Amino acid sequence: MKKLMLALFTGILLSGPGIVQAAPASGYSQFIESLDSILSGATLPVADERQVTGRTGFLAPGQAGQVLSAANELLGYPVVWGGASPIQGFDCSGLVQYVFRQAGITMPRTADLQFLVGKTVAISALQPGDLVYFTTYEPGASHVGIYMGNDKFIHTSFSKGVVAIGDMNDNYFGQRYYGAKRVL
């Protein structure tokens, strides 16, 4: 627990001037309260303004709506290899696992294992909430995103360094499309 608190405090200190106040001298519990108040007002980086505006656009019904709503809330969060939570940041499969858990669905941890779950869906039949897979750094399903509709998907963009909206028609993703699965 001490290591986690130290990591959080260090991250806040490194995030910029004027955000962190000194811990009160009167005790650990007051320090935690102070840290909580700082964290509740902290903002995370956002790739660009276009991703922020995407947060208010599309609503899907049922579990797909829950999944997309949870994913939209994570736009702009940092991309971290091996990350699977808002505190850590996310990699692609960690993002999917976290978001689906918010809708009550347990998913495996890695993209290749997630690809084994659900029903195969043709690209022409994609629906919001479906998972789209790409071959990137290794053969097979090595990158995953959550389909939003209109050829857009939410994923972890290592080039932007944040959770972002990708385009199925983008030259990079178009050439690397591997398949899609419906879990919902």
C-alpha atoms as a PDB file:
ATOM      1  CA  MET A   1       0.000   0.000   0.000  1.00  0.00           C
ATOM      2  CA  LYS A   2       2.852   2.361   0.841  1.00  0.00           C
ATOM      3  CA  LYS A   3       4.432   1.753  -2.574  1.00  0.00           C
ATOM      4  CA  LEU A   4       1.117   2.531  -4.323  1.00  0.00           C
ATOM      5  CA  MET A   5       0.684   5.749  -2.365  1.00  0.00           C
ATOM      6  CA  LEU A   6       4.285   6.755  -3.063  1.00  0.00           C
ATOM      7  CA  ALA A   7       3.789   6.062  -6.786  1.00  0.00           C
ATOM      8  CA  LEU A   8       0.587   8.125  -6.868  1.00  0.00           C
ATOM      9  CA  PHE A   9       2.164  10.997  -4.975  1.00  0.00           C
ATOM     10  CA  THR A  10       5.248  10.931  -7.223  1.00  0.00           C
ATOM     11  CA  GLY A  11       3.049  10.931 -10.332  1.00  0.00           C
ATOM     12  CA  ILE A  12       1.173  13.959  -9.096  1.00  0.00           C
ATOM     13  CA  LEU A  13       4.394  15.784  -8.295  1.00  0.00           C
ATOM     14  CA  LEU A  14       5.684  15.117 -11.797  1.00  0.00           C
ATOM     15  CA  SER A  15       2.436  16.187 -13.466  1.00  0.00           C
ATOM     16  CA  GLY A  16       3.114  19.880 -13.163  1.00  0.00           C
ATOM     17  CA  PRO A  17       3.496  22.879 -10.889  1.00  0.00           C
ATOM     18  CA  GLY A  18       0.787  24.113  -8.582  1.00  0.00           C
ATOM     19  CA  ILE A  19      -1.123  20.830  -8.350  1.00  0.00           C
ATOM     20  CA  VAL A  20       0.308  19.310  -5.181  1.00  0.00           C
ATOM     21  CA  GLN A  21       0.262  20.803  -1.720  1.00  0.00           C
ATOM     22  CA  ALA A  22       2.484  19.648   1.112  1.00  0.00           C
ATOM     23  CA  ALA A  23       1.122  16.813   3.213  1.00  0.00           C
ATOM     24  CA  PRO A  24      -0.225  17.982   6.547  1.00  0.00           C
ATOM     25  CA  ALA A  25       2.050  17.289   9.474  1.00  0.00           C
ATOM     26  CA  SER A  26      -0.767  16.000  11.670  1.00  0.00           C
ATOM     27  CA  GLY A  27      -0.971  12.485  10.323  1.00  0.00           C
ATOM     28  CA  TYR A  28      -1.383   9.897   7.656  1.00  0.00           C
ATOM     29  CA  SER A  29      -5.191  10.074   7.489  1.00  0.00           C
ATOM     30  CA  GLN A  30      -5.130  13.819   6.841  1.00  0.00           C
ATOM     31  CA  PHE A  31      -2.495  13.261   4.172  1.00  0.00           C
ATOM     32  CA  ILE A  32      -4.739  10.679   2.454  1.00  0.00           C
ATOM     33  CA  GLU A  33      -7.708  13.074   2.610  1.00  0.00           C
ATOM     34  CA  SER A  34      -5.530  15.806   1.115  1.00  0.00           C
ATOM     35  CA  LEU A  35      -4.321  13.448  -1.613  1.00  0.00           C
ATOM     36  CA  ASP A  36      -7.915  12.383  -2.377  1.00  0.00           C
ATOM     37  CA  SER A  37      -8.995  15.996  -2.792  1.00  0.00           C
ATOM     38  CA  ILE A  38      -6.066  16.660  -5.114  1.00  0.00           C
ATOM     39  CA  LEU A  39      -6.785  13.551  -7.194  1.00  0.00           C
ATOM     40  CA  SER A  40     -10.489  14.313  -7.496  1.00  0.00           C
ATOM     41  CA  GLY A  41      -9.677  17.615  -9.184  1.00  0.00           C
ATOM     42  CA  ALA A  42      -6.809  16.293 -11.318  1.00  0.00           C
ATOM     43  CA  THR A  43      -7.219  16.068 -15.063  1.00  0.00           C
ATOM     44  CA  LEU A  44      -5.512  13.608 -17.329  1.00  0.00           C
ATOM     45  CA  PRO A  45      -4.033  14.498 -20.710  1.00  0.00           C
ATOM     46  CA  VAL A  46      -6.272  14.354 -23.774  1.00  0.00           C
ATOM     47  CA  ALA A  47      -4.833  13.692 -27.216  1.00  0.00           C
ATOM     48  CA  ASP A  48      -6.700  16.503 -28.931  1.00  0.00           C
ATOM     49  CA  GLU A  49     -10.024  18.320 -28.856  1.00  0.00           C
ATOM     50  CA  ARG A  50     -11.585  16.021 -31.478  1.00  0.00           C
ATOM     51  CA  GLN A  51     -11.529  13.106 -29.049  1.00  0.00           C
ATOM     52  CA  VAL A  52     -13.208  15.116 -26.303  1.00  0.00           C
ATOM     53  CA  THR A  53     -16.132  16.028 -28.559  1.00  0.00           C
ATOM     54  CA  GLY A  54     -16.635  12.336 -29.363  1.00  0.00           C
ATOM     55  CA  ARG A  55     -17.699  11.775 -25.760  1.00  0.00           C
ATOM     56  CA  THR A  56     -21.130  13.289 -26.193  1.00  0.00           C
ATOM     57  CA  GLY A  57     -22.095  11.832 -29.553  1.00  0.00           C
ATOM     58  CA  PHE A  58     -23.195   8.209 -29.784  1.00  0.00           C
ATOM     59  CA  LEU A  59     -25.460   6.225 -27.462  1.00  0.00           C
ATOM     60  CA  ALA A  60     -26.187   2.523 -27.904  1.00  0.00           C
ATOM     61  CA  PRO A  61     -28.802   0.511 -26.000  1.00  0.00           C
ATOM     62  CA  GLY A  62     -28.224  -2.064 -23.242  1.00  0.00           C
ATOM     63  CA  GLN A  63     -24.832  -3.563 -22.515  1.00  0.00           C
ATOM     64  CA  ALA A  64     -23.360  -2.076 -25.690  1.00  0.00           C
ATOM     65  CA  GLY A  65     -24.345   1.336 -24.362  1.00  0.00           C
ATOM     66  CA  GLN A  66     -22.705   0.566 -21.011  1.00  0.00           C
ATOM     67  CA  VAL A  67     -19.513  -0.580 -22.729  1.00  0.00           C
ATOM     68  CA  LEU A  68     -19.337   2.440 -25.032  1.00  0.00           C
ATOM     69  CA  SER A  69     -20.152   4.861 -22.235  1.00  0.00           C
ATOM     70  CA  ALA A  70     -17.396   3.407 -20.043  1.00  0.00           C
ATOM     71  CA  ALA A  71     -14.933   3.474 -22.965  1.00  0.00           C
ATOM     72  CA  ASN A  72     -15.840   7.083 -23.841  1.00  0.00           C
ATOM     73  CA  GLU A  73     -15.079   8.129 -20.275  1.00  0.00           C
ATOM     74  CA  LEU A  74     -11.545   6.794 -20.720  1.00  0.00           C
ATOM     75  CA  LEU A  75     -10.687   8.808 -23.832  1.00  0.00           C
ATOM     76  CA  GLY A  76      -7.460  10.662 -23.161  1.00  0.00           C
ATOM     77  CA  TYR A  77      -6.214   8.315 -20.436  1.00  0.00           C
ATOM     78  CA  PRO A  78      -2.559   7.333 -20.861  1.00  0.00           C
ATOM     79  CA  VAL A  79      -1.451   4.254 -22.776  1.00  0.00           C
ATOM     80  CA  VAL A  80       0.869   2.024 -20.754  1.00  0.00           C
ATOM     81  CA  TRP A  81       2.094  -1.397 -21.842  1.00  0.00           C
ATOM     82  CA  GLY A  82       0.549  -3.883 -19.395  1.00  0.00           C
ATOM     83  CA  GLY A  83      -1.862  -1.289 -17.963  1.00  0.00           C
ATOM     84  CA  ALA A  84      -5.389  -2.360 -17.074  1.00  0.00           C
ATOM     85  CA  SER A  85      -6.893   0.418 -14.933  1.00  0.00           C
ATOM     86  CA  PRO A  86      -7.428   4.179 -14.890  1.00  0.00           C
ATOM     87  CA  ILE A  87      -4.721   4.488 -12.226  1.00  0.00           C
ATOM     88  CA  GLN A  88      -2.141   2.532 -14.242  1.00  0.00           C
ATOM     89  CA  GLY A  89      -3.203   3.558 -17.725  1.00  0.00           C
ATOM     90  CA  PHE A  90      -4.195   1.005 -20.352  1.00  0.00           C
ATOM     91  CA  ASP A  91      -2.934  -1.215 -23.079  1.00  0.00           C
ATOM     92  CA  CYS A  92      -5.490  -2.381 -25.673  1.00  0.00           C
ATOM     93  CA  SER A  93      -6.607  -5.603 -24.013  1.00  0.00           C
ATOM     94  CA  GLY A  94      -6.481  -4.054 -20.550  1.00  0.00           C
ATOM     95  CA  LEU A  95      -8.865  -1.352 -21.794  1.00  0.00           C
ATOM     96  CA  VAL A  96     -11.270  -3.968 -23.191  1.00  0.00           C
ATOM     97  CA  GLN A  97     -11.086  -6.086 -20.044  1.00  0.00           C
ATOM     98  CA  TYR A  98     -11.727  -3.064 -17.784  1.00  0.00           C
ATOM     99  CA  VAL A  99     -14.579  -1.622 -19.873  1.00  0.00           C
ATOM    100  CA  PHE A 100     -16.379  -4.957 -20.280  1.00  0.00           C
ATOM    101  CA  ARG A 101     -16.030  -5.599 -16.547  1.00  0.00           C
ATOM    102  CA  GLN A 102     -17.968  -2.339 -15.996  1.00  0.00           C
ATOM    103  CA  ALA A 103     -20.832  -3.981 -17.919  1.00  0.00           C
ATOM    104  CA  GLY A 104     -20.560  -7.194 -15.872  1.00  0.00           C
ATOM    105  CA  ILE A 105     -18.671  -9.241 -18.472  1.00  0.00           C
ATOM    106  CA  THR A 106     -15.435 -11.050 -17.637  1.00  0.00           C
ATOM    107  CA  MET A 107     -12.861 -11.065 -20.438  1.00  0.00           C
ATOM    108  CA  PRO A 108      -9.403 -12.658 -20.689  1.00  0.00           C
ATOM    109  CA  ARG A 109      -6.435 -10.333 -20.268  1.00  0.00           C
ATOM    110  CA  THR A 110      -4.725 -10.435 -23.696  1.00  0.00           C
ATOM    111  CA  ALA A 111      -5.987  -9.612 -27.200  1.00  0.00           C
ATOM    112  CA  ASP A 112      -5.205 -13.062 -28.594  1.00  0.00           C
ATOM    113  CA  LEU A 113      -7.205 -14.753 -25.814  1.00  0.00           C
ATOM    114  CA  GLN A 114     -10.012 -12.201 -26.097  1.00  0.00           C
ATOM    115  CA  PHE A 115     -10.256 -13.097 -29.786  1.00  0.00           C
ATOM    116  CA  LEU A 116     -11.285 -16.623 -28.753  1.00  0.00           C
ATOM    117  CA  VAL A 117     -14.385 -15.275 -26.948  1.00  0.00           C
ATOM    118  CA  GLY A 118     -17.698 -14.516 -28.622  1.00  0.00           C
ATOM    119  CA  LYS A 119     -19.192 -14.979 -32.065  1.00  0.00           C
ATOM    120  CA  THR A 120     -17.289 -14.104 -35.251  1.00  0.00           C
ATOM    121  CA  VAL A 121     -18.816 -11.112 -37.044  1.00  0.00           C
ATOM    122  CA  ALA A 122     -18.307 -10.027 -40.664  1.00  0.00           C
ATOM    123  CA  ILE A 123     -16.928  -6.528 -41.058  1.00  0.00           C
ATOM    124  CA  SER A 124     -20.116  -5.592 -42.944  1.00  0.00           C
ATOM    125  CA  ALA A 125     -22.243  -6.650 -39.928  1.00  0.00           C
ATOM    126  CA  LEU A 126     -20.356  -4.766 -37.181  1.00  0.00           C
ATOM    127  CA  GLN A 127     -22.482  -3.263 -34.429  1.00  0.00           C
ATOM    128  CA  PRO A 128     -21.539  -0.860 -31.624  1.00  0.00           C
ATOM    129  CA  GLY A 129     -19.853  -2.756 -28.803  1.00  0.00           C
ATOM    130  CA  ASP A 130     -18.293  -5.398 -31.062  1.00  0.00           C
ATOM    131  CA  LEU A 131     -14.572  -5.993 -30.691  1.00  0.00           C
ATOM    132  CA  VAL A 132     -12.342  -5.337 -33.709  1.00  0.00           C
ATOM    133  CA  TYR A 133      -8.924  -6.976 -33.935  1.00  0.00           C
ATOM    134  CA  PHE A 134      -5.770  -6.105 -35.835  1.00  0.00           C
ATOM    135  CA  THR A 135      -2.419  -7.758 -36.499  1.00  0.00           C
ATOM    136  CA  THR A 136       0.198  -5.268 -35.347  1.00  0.00           C
ATOM    137  CA  TYR A 137       3.379  -6.208 -33.499  1.00  0.00           C
ATOM    138  CA  GLU A 138       2.949  -9.987 -33.852  1.00  0.00           C
ATOM    139  CA  PRO A 139       0.933 -12.350 -36.094  1.00  0.00           C
ATOM    140  CA  GLY A 140      -2.713 -12.903 -35.186  1.00  0.00           C
ATOM    141  CA  ALA A 141      -4.905 -10.770 -32.970  1.00  0.00           C
ATOM    142  CA  SER A 142      -2.382  -8.471 -31.296  1.00  0.00           C
ATOM    143  CA  HIS A 143      -4.427  -5.249 -31.027  1.00  0.00           C
ATOM    144  CA  VAL A 144      -8.093  -4.807 -30.099  1.00  0.00           C
ATOM    145  CA  GLY A 145     -10.569  -1.949 -30.071  1.00  0.00           C
ATOM    146  CA  ILE A 146     -14.246  -1.427 -29.269  1.00  0.00           C
ATOM    147  CA  TYR A 147     -16.370  -0.626 -32.320  1.00  0.00           C
ATOM    148  CA  MET A 148     -18.490   2.539 -31.964  1.00  0.00           C
ATOM    149  CA  GLY A 149     -20.285   2.587 -35.305  1.00  0.00           C
ATOM    150  CA  ASN A 150     -19.618   4.606 -38.474  1.00  0.00           C
ATOM    151  CA  ASP A 151     -16.265   2.815 -38.952  1.00  0.00           C
ATOM    152  CA  LYS A 152     -14.874   4.264 -35.683  1.00  0.00           C
ATOM    153  CA  PHE A 153     -13.490   2.380 -32.686  1.00  0.00           C
ATOM    154  CA  ILE A 154     -12.021   3.216 -29.294  1.00  0.00           C
ATOM    155  CA  HIS A 155      -8.565   1.809 -28.635  1.00  0.00           C
ATOM    156  CA  THR A 156      -5.202   2.567 -27.106  1.00  0.00           C
ATOM    157  CA  SER A 157      -3.178   4.611 -29.556  1.00  0.00           C
ATOM    158  CA  PHE A 158       0.513   4.144 -28.846  1.00  0.00           C
ATOM    159  CA  SER A 159       1.314   6.803 -31.462  1.00  0.00           C
ATOM    160  CA  LYS A 160      -0.803   9.370 -29.568  1.00  0.00           C
ATOM    161  CA  GLY A 161      -0.020   7.945 -26.142  1.00  0.00           C
ATOM    162  CA  VAL A 162      -3.659   7.957 -25.021  1.00  0.00           C
ATOM    163  CA  VAL A 163      -6.948   6.100 -25.353  1.00  0.00           C
ATOM    164  CA  ALA A 164      -8.306   7.506 -28.616  1.00  0.00           C
ATOM    165  CA  ILE A 165     -10.765   7.026 -31.449  1.00  0.00           C
ATOM    166  CA  GLY A 166      -9.459   5.118 -34.458  1.00  0.00           C
ATOM    167  CA  ASP A 167     -10.855   4.786 -37.969  1.00  0.00           C
ATOM    168  CA  MET A 168     -11.382   1.408 -39.623  1.00  0.00           C
ATOM    169  CA  ASN A 169     -10.679   3.079 -42.983  1.00  0.00           C
ATOM    170  CA  ASP A 170      -7.319   4.439 -41.868  1.00  0.00           C
ATOM    171  CA  ASN A 171      -4.581   3.014 -44.086  1.00  0.00           C
ATOM    172  CA  TYR A 172      -2.717   1.524 -41.091  1.00  0.00           C
ATOM    173  CA  PHE A 173      -5.723  -0.268 -39.609  1.00  0.00           C
ATOM    174  CA  GLY A 174      -7.271  -1.187 -42.957  1.00  0.00           C
ATOM    175  CA  GLN A 175      -4.165  -3.161 -43.901  1.00  0.00           C
ATOM    176  CA  ARG A 176      -3.967  -4.868 -40.505  1.00  0.00           C
ATOM    177  CA  TYR A 177      -7.621  -5.805 -39.898  1.00  0.00           C
ATOM    178  CA  TYR A 178      -7.771  -9.357 -38.513  1.00  0.00           C
ATOM    179  CA  GLY A 179     -11.427  -9.903 -37.599  1.00  0.00           C
ATOM    180  CA  ALA A 180     -14.257  -9.033 -35.230  1.00  0.00           C
ATOM    181  CA  LYS A 181     -16.120 -10.707 -32.399  1.00  0.00           C
ATOM    182  CA  ARG A 182     -19.469 -10.063 -30.741  1.00  0.00           C
ATOM    183  CA  VAL A 183     -19.423 -10.704 -27.000  1.00  0.00           C
ATOM    184  CA  LEU A 184     -22.551  -8.725 -26.053  1.00  0.00           C
END
